[in-house]
Amino acid sequence: MHAVPDTGREGDGYLVSRGHAWFAFAMTLGLMIFDYVDRQVIVSLFPHLKQAWHLTDTQLGALVSVVSVTVAIGGIPVALFADRVSRVKSIVAMATMWSLATISCMFTRNYGQLLAARSVVGLGEAGYGSVGAVLLANHFPSRVRGALMACLFASASLGSVLGVLLGGVIAARWGWQAAFGVVGFPGLAMALLYWFVRDYRTVKLDPARQEARRSTKAVRSCTGSRPRRRTGPARSSTRVRCLPERPGV
């Protein structure tokens, strides 16, 4: 993973190159599919879980709703963190977490363990949709962003359908535990491959401090020395203007 300097794009083009942008699109789309496959795979396993552990309909419904609850709680904090640290690293961490949590579901031995694992799935998925959408928007020119967003969110519906379909087919053939492993391991592999998506600098946590640093650099370039640190209250103006030296002064 290589970070792209925040040098600013001239015009409205690709952040790095066309090839890197489409690679980021393919990886983000694939993870979105696995996001919803891992979320919905449990729906087709309800009959098997009900028979194996004698669960009620309320307990089965909680295995789905707990993912939505944790996504709603963690979505905003995760997105804010990704904006200020690294979107690529955050996506790798999120996808790794929800994939490992999905795989761990195949080793659960009671309802409480399965419910806890499902909550970790939701925590990993929290914020992925927004972070992935912003990453793609920055890699591509504005003329194609609408179509890219449509493809990204359509892949979520595709993942939901695939999750229910695959869960039923796998459970009927190898048992309900195997369904979590079959959908979890490919998502984990794709999460690790996401390291090769080109990263870029995101927003700063403290814009005022960044502006102060730029002002200090401007003072140094004008005077050739380090400005004295003031002990009094900070001045509101941060603009520095270099004046030419007058002869005879």
Protein backbone atom coordinates (compact mmCIF):
# COMPACT_ATOMS: atom_id res chain seq x y z
CA MET A 1 0.00 0.00 0.00
CA HIS A 2 1.43 3.37 -1.04
CA ALA A 3 0.04 6.72 0.08
CA VAL A 4 -0.48 9.35 -2.58
CA PRO A 5 0.68 12.83 -1.50
CA ASP A 6 -2.03 15.42 -1.09
CA THR A 7 -0.79 17.57 -3.93
CA GLY A 8 -4.18 18.38 -5.39
CA ARG A 9 -5.54 17.34 -8.75
CA GLU A 10 -5.52 19.70 -11.62
CA GLY A 11 -8.84 19.55 -13.39
CA ASP A 12 -11.14 16.60 -12.85
CA GLY A 13 -9.30 13.36 -13.51
CA TYR A 14 -8.17 10.16 -11.79
CA LEU A 15 -6.39 10.42 -8.46
CA VAL A 16 -3.47 8.19 -9.51
CA SER A 17 -4.21 6.46 -12.81
CA ARG A 18 -7.07 4.75 -14.60
CA GLY A 19 -5.73 1.28 -13.77
CA HIS A 20 -5.32 1.95 -10.05
CA ALA A 21 -8.78 3.50 -9.89
CA TRP A 22 -10.49 0.51 -11.49
CA PHE A 23 -8.56 -1.89 -9.28
CA ALA A 24 -9.83 0.02 -6.24
CA PHE A 25 -13.34 -0.16 -7.68
CA ALA A 26 -13.18 -3.94 -8.22
CA MET A 27 -11.84 -4.56 -4.72
CA THR A 28 -14.36 -2.25 -3.05
CA LEU A 29 -17.22 -3.81 -5.00
CA GLY A 30 -16.08 -7.32 -4.09
CA LEU A 31 -15.86 -6.49 -0.41
CA MET A 32 -19.31 -4.93 -0.50
CA ILE A 33 -20.68 -8.20 -1.86
CA PHE A 34 -18.97 -10.21 0.88
CA ASP A 35 -20.15 -7.66 3.43
CA TYR A 36 -23.77 -8.54 2.71
CA VAL A 37 -23.13 -12.22 2.05
CA ASP A 38 -21.71 -12.54 5.57
CA ARG A 39 -24.58 -10.49 6.97
CA GLN A 40 -27.41 -12.45 5.33
CA VAL A 41 -26.01 -15.99 5.19
CA ILE A 42 -27.56 -16.81 8.55
CA VAL A 43 -31.12 -16.26 7.31
CA SER A 44 -31.21 -19.52 5.36
CA LEU A 45 -29.72 -21.33 8.36
CA PHE A 46 -32.68 -20.60 10.64
CA PRO A 47 -34.34 -24.02 10.19
CA HIS A 48 -31.08 -25.80 11.00
CA LEU A 49 -30.38 -23.64 14.07
CA LYS A 50 -33.94 -23.99 15.30
CA GLN A 51 -33.72 -27.77 15.08
CA ALA A 52 -30.20 -28.02 16.57
CA TRP A 53 -30.58 -25.58 19.51
CA HIS A 54 -34.39 -25.32 19.82
CA LEU A 55 -34.36 -21.56 19.36
CA THR A 56 -37.42 -19.32 19.33
CA ASP A 57 -38.32 -16.98 16.50
CA THR A 58 -37.29 -14.03 18.68
CA GLN A 59 -33.84 -15.50 19.21
CA LEU A 60 -33.41 -16.17 15.52
CA GLY A 61 -34.48 -12.63 14.66
CA ALA A 62 -31.94 -11.23 17.12
CA LEU A 63 -29.13 -12.93 15.18
CA VAL A 64 -29.97 -10.65 12.26
CA SER A 65 -30.95 -7.48 14.11
CA VAL A 66 -27.81 -7.44 16.28
CA VAL A 67 -25.76 -6.81 13.14
CA SER A 68 -27.93 -3.84 12.17
CA VAL A 69 -27.74 -2.41 15.70
CA THR A 70 -23.95 -2.55 15.88
CA VAL A 71 -23.65 -1.09 12.37
CA ALA A 72 -25.88 1.82 13.40
CA ILE A 73 -23.92 2.44 16.61
CA GLY A 74 -20.44 2.15 15.13
CA GLY A 75 -20.98 3.59 11.66
CA ILE A 76 -20.32 7.27 12.40
CA PRO A 77 -17.31 6.82 14.73
CA VAL A 78 -15.66 4.37 12.34
CA ALA A 79 -16.18 6.69 9.35
CA LEU A 80 -14.76 9.68 11.25
CA PHE A 81 -11.73 7.64 12.28
CA ALA A 82 -11.15 6.48 8.70
CA ASP A 83 -11.37 10.06 7.42
CA ARG A 84 -8.56 11.14 9.71
CA VAL A 85 -6.22 8.14 9.61
CA SER A 86 -6.35 6.07 6.42
CA ARG A 87 -9.32 4.82 4.46
CA VAL A 88 -7.46 1.87 2.95
CA LYS A 89 -6.09 0.70 6.30
CA SER A 90 -9.51 1.15 7.88
CA ILE A 91 -11.20 -0.93 5.18
CA VAL A 92 -8.60 -3.69 5.59
CA ALA A 93 -9.20 -3.70 9.35
CA MET A 94 -13.00 -3.69 8.95
CA ALA A 95 -13.11 -6.47 6.36
CA THR A 96 -10.66 -8.60 8.35
CA MET A 97 -12.76 -8.20 11.48
CA TRP A 98 -16.10 -9.13 9.94
CA SER A 99 -14.58 -12.04 7.99
CA LEU A 100 -12.88 -13.52 11.06
CA ALA A 101 -16.07 -13.05 13.06
CA THR A 102 -18.05 -14.86 10.36
CA ILE A 103 -15.55 -17.72 10.35
CA SER A 104 -15.74 -17.92 14.14
CA CYS A 105 -19.49 -18.55 13.89
CA MET A 106 -18.77 -22.06 12.64
CA PHE A 107 -17.05 -22.90 15.94
CA THR A 108 -19.79 -21.64 18.27
CA ARG A 109 -21.41 -24.20 20.57
CA ASN A 110 -24.39 -22.27 21.93
CA TYR A 111 -26.68 -19.38 21.19
CA GLY A 112 -24.81 -16.84 23.31
CA GLN A 113 -21.54 -17.46 21.50
CA LEU A 114 -23.22 -17.16 18.11
CA LEU A 115 -24.96 -13.92 19.10
CA ALA A 116 -21.66 -12.44 20.30
CA ALA A 117 -19.91 -13.43 17.07
CA ARG A 118 -22.68 -11.87 15.02
CA SER A 119 -22.35 -8.61 16.94
CA VAL A 120 -18.64 -8.51 16.02
CA VAL A 121 -19.65 -9.03 12.37
CA GLY A 122 -21.76 -5.88 12.60
CA LEU A 123 -18.98 -3.97 14.32
CA GLY A 124 -16.62 -4.83 11.48
CA GLU A 125 -19.14 -3.84 8.83
CA ALA A 126 -19.91 -0.51 10.50
CA GLY A 127 -18.87 2.38 8.31
CA TYR A 128 -17.68 0.28 5.37
CA GLY A 129 -20.31 1.53 2.93
CA SER A 130 -19.56 5.20 3.58
CA VAL A 131 -15.77 4.80 3.70
CA GLY A 132 -15.70 2.72 0.53
CA ALA A 133 -17.93 5.20 -1.30
CA VAL A 134 -15.71 8.16 -0.39
CA LEU A 135 -12.58 6.27 -1.41
CA LEU A 136 -14.03 5.58 -4.86
CA ALA A 137 -15.24 9.15 -5.22
CA ASN A 138 -11.69 10.39 -4.65
CA HIS A 139 -10.13 7.94 -7.11
CA PHE A 140 -12.46 8.75 -10.02
CA PRO A 141 -13.48 11.90 -11.89
CA SER A 142 -16.88 13.36 -11.13
CA ARG A 143 -18.38 12.38 -14.50
CA VAL A 144 -18.51 8.68 -13.50
CA ARG A 145 -19.10 8.90 -9.76
CA GLY A 146 -22.87 8.56 -9.95
CA ALA A 147 -22.64 5.33 -11.94
CA LEU A 148 -19.96 3.99 -9.58
CA MET A 149 -22.14 4.64 -6.54
CA ALA A 150 -25.05 2.90 -8.24
CA CYS A 151 -22.88 -0.17 -8.90
CA LEU A 152 -21.54 -0.16 -5.35
CA PHE A 153 -24.92 -0.11 -3.68
CA ALA A 154 -26.41 -2.53 -6.20
CA SER A 155 -23.68 -4.97 -5.17
CA ALA A 156 -25.08 -4.84 -1.62
CA SER A 157 -28.39 -6.23 -2.89
CA LEU A 158 -26.53 -8.85 -4.89
CA GLY A 159 -24.61 -9.87 -1.78
CA SER A 160 -27.83 -10.22 0.22
CA VAL A 161 -29.30 -12.57 -2.37
CA LEU A 162 -26.10 -14.59 -2.65
CA GLY A 163 -25.82 -14.89 1.12
CA VAL A 164 -29.26 -16.45 1.51
CA LEU A 165 -28.79 -18.66 -1.54
CA LEU A 166 -25.32 -19.92 -0.65
CA GLY A 167 -26.21 -20.48 2.99
CA GLY A 168 -29.06 -22.81 2.08
CA VAL A 169 -27.08 -24.76 -0.50
CA ILE A 170 -24.00 -25.21 1.70
CA ALA A 171 -26.00 -26.12 4.81
CA ALA A 172 -27.95 -28.78 2.95
CA ARG A 173 -24.74 -30.38 1.73
CA TRP A 174 -22.15 -29.94 4.50
CA GLY A 175 -24.06 -28.61 7.51
CA TRP A 176 -24.88 -25.14 8.80
CA GLN A 177 -21.46 -24.62 10.44
CA ALA A 178 -19.67 -25.02 7.09
CA ALA A 179 -21.72 -22.20 5.57
CA PHE A 180 -19.94 -19.60 7.71
CA GLY A 181 -16.51 -20.86 6.73
CA VAL A 182 -17.24 -21.08 3.01
CA VAL A 183 -18.34 -17.44 2.82
CA GLY A 184 -15.89 -16.14 5.43
CA PHE A 185 -12.54 -17.31 4.08
CA PRO A 186 -12.86 -15.73 0.59
CA GLY A 187 -13.80 -12.42 2.20
CA LEU A 188 -10.72 -12.62 4.43
CA ALA A 189 -8.50 -13.21 1.40
CA MET A 190 -10.00 -10.19 -0.37
CA ALA A 191 -9.52 -8.07 2.74
CA LEU A 192 -5.78 -8.82 2.70
CA LEU A 193 -5.58 -8.07 -1.03
CA TYR A 194 -7.06 -4.64 -0.34
CA TRP A 195 -3.61 -3.58 0.93
CA PHE A 196 -2.64 -3.12 -2.73
CA VAL A 197 -5.22 -0.37 -3.24
CA ARG A 198 -3.45 2.99 -3.47
CA ASP A 199 -3.97 5.04 -0.35
CA TYR A 200 -3.98 8.83 -0.09
CA ARG A 201 -3.80 11.46 2.61
CA THR A 202 -7.07 12.23 4.31
CA VAL A 203 -8.28 15.24 6.25
CA LYS A 204 -6.38 16.53 9.27
CA LEU A 205 -7.77 16.09 12.75
CA ASP A 206 -6.96 19.69 13.76
CA PRO A 207 -7.26 22.13 10.82
CA ALA A 208 -6.39 25.14 13.05
CA ARG A 209 -3.11 23.57 14.10
CA GLN A 210 -2.30 22.74 10.48
CA GLU A 211 -2.94 26.37 9.50
CA ALA A 212 -0.66 27.54 12.31
CA ARG A 213 2.11 25.30 11.01
CA ARG A 214 1.76 26.76 7.53
CA SER A 215 1.96 30.28 9.01
CA THR A 216 5.12 29.37 10.93
CA LYS A 217 6.74 28.07 7.77
CA ALA A 218 5.82 31.31 5.99
CA VAL A 219 7.46 33.37 8.75
CA ARG A 220 10.61 31.28 8.55
CA SER A 221 10.83 31.69 4.80
CA CYS A 222 10.59 35.48 5.17
CA THR A 223 12.93 36.03 8.12
CA GLY A 224 15.24 33.06 7.81
CA SER A 225 14.92 32.38 11.54
CA ARG A 226 12.51 30.78 13.94
CA PRO A 227 9.84 33.18 15.19
CA ARG A 228 9.60 33.78 18.93
CA ARG A 229 6.90 31.92 20.80
CA ARG A 230 4.33 34.26 22.29
CA THR A 231 3.10 33.65 25.80
CA GLY A 232 -0.01 35.75 25.45
CA PRO A 233 -3.27 34.89 23.70
CA ALA A 234 -2.97 33.77 20.08
CA ARG A 235 -3.75 36.33 17.41
CA SER A 236 -6.67 35.70 15.12
CA SER A 237 -4.81 36.49 11.91
CA THR A 238 -2.47 33.87 10.49
CA ARG A 239 -1.65 35.48 7.17
CA VAL A 240 1.99 36.50 6.75
CA ARG A 241 3.20 38.90 4.09
CA CYS A 242 6.87 39.35 3.24
CA LEU A 243 7.90 42.97 2.61
CA PRO A 244 11.00 43.86 0.57
CA GLU A 245 13.83 45.53 2.43
CA ARG A 246 14.12 49.28 1.84
CA PRO A 247 17.58 50.62 0.98
CA GLY A 248 19.40 52.50 3.67
CA VAL A 249 17.50 50.86 6.55
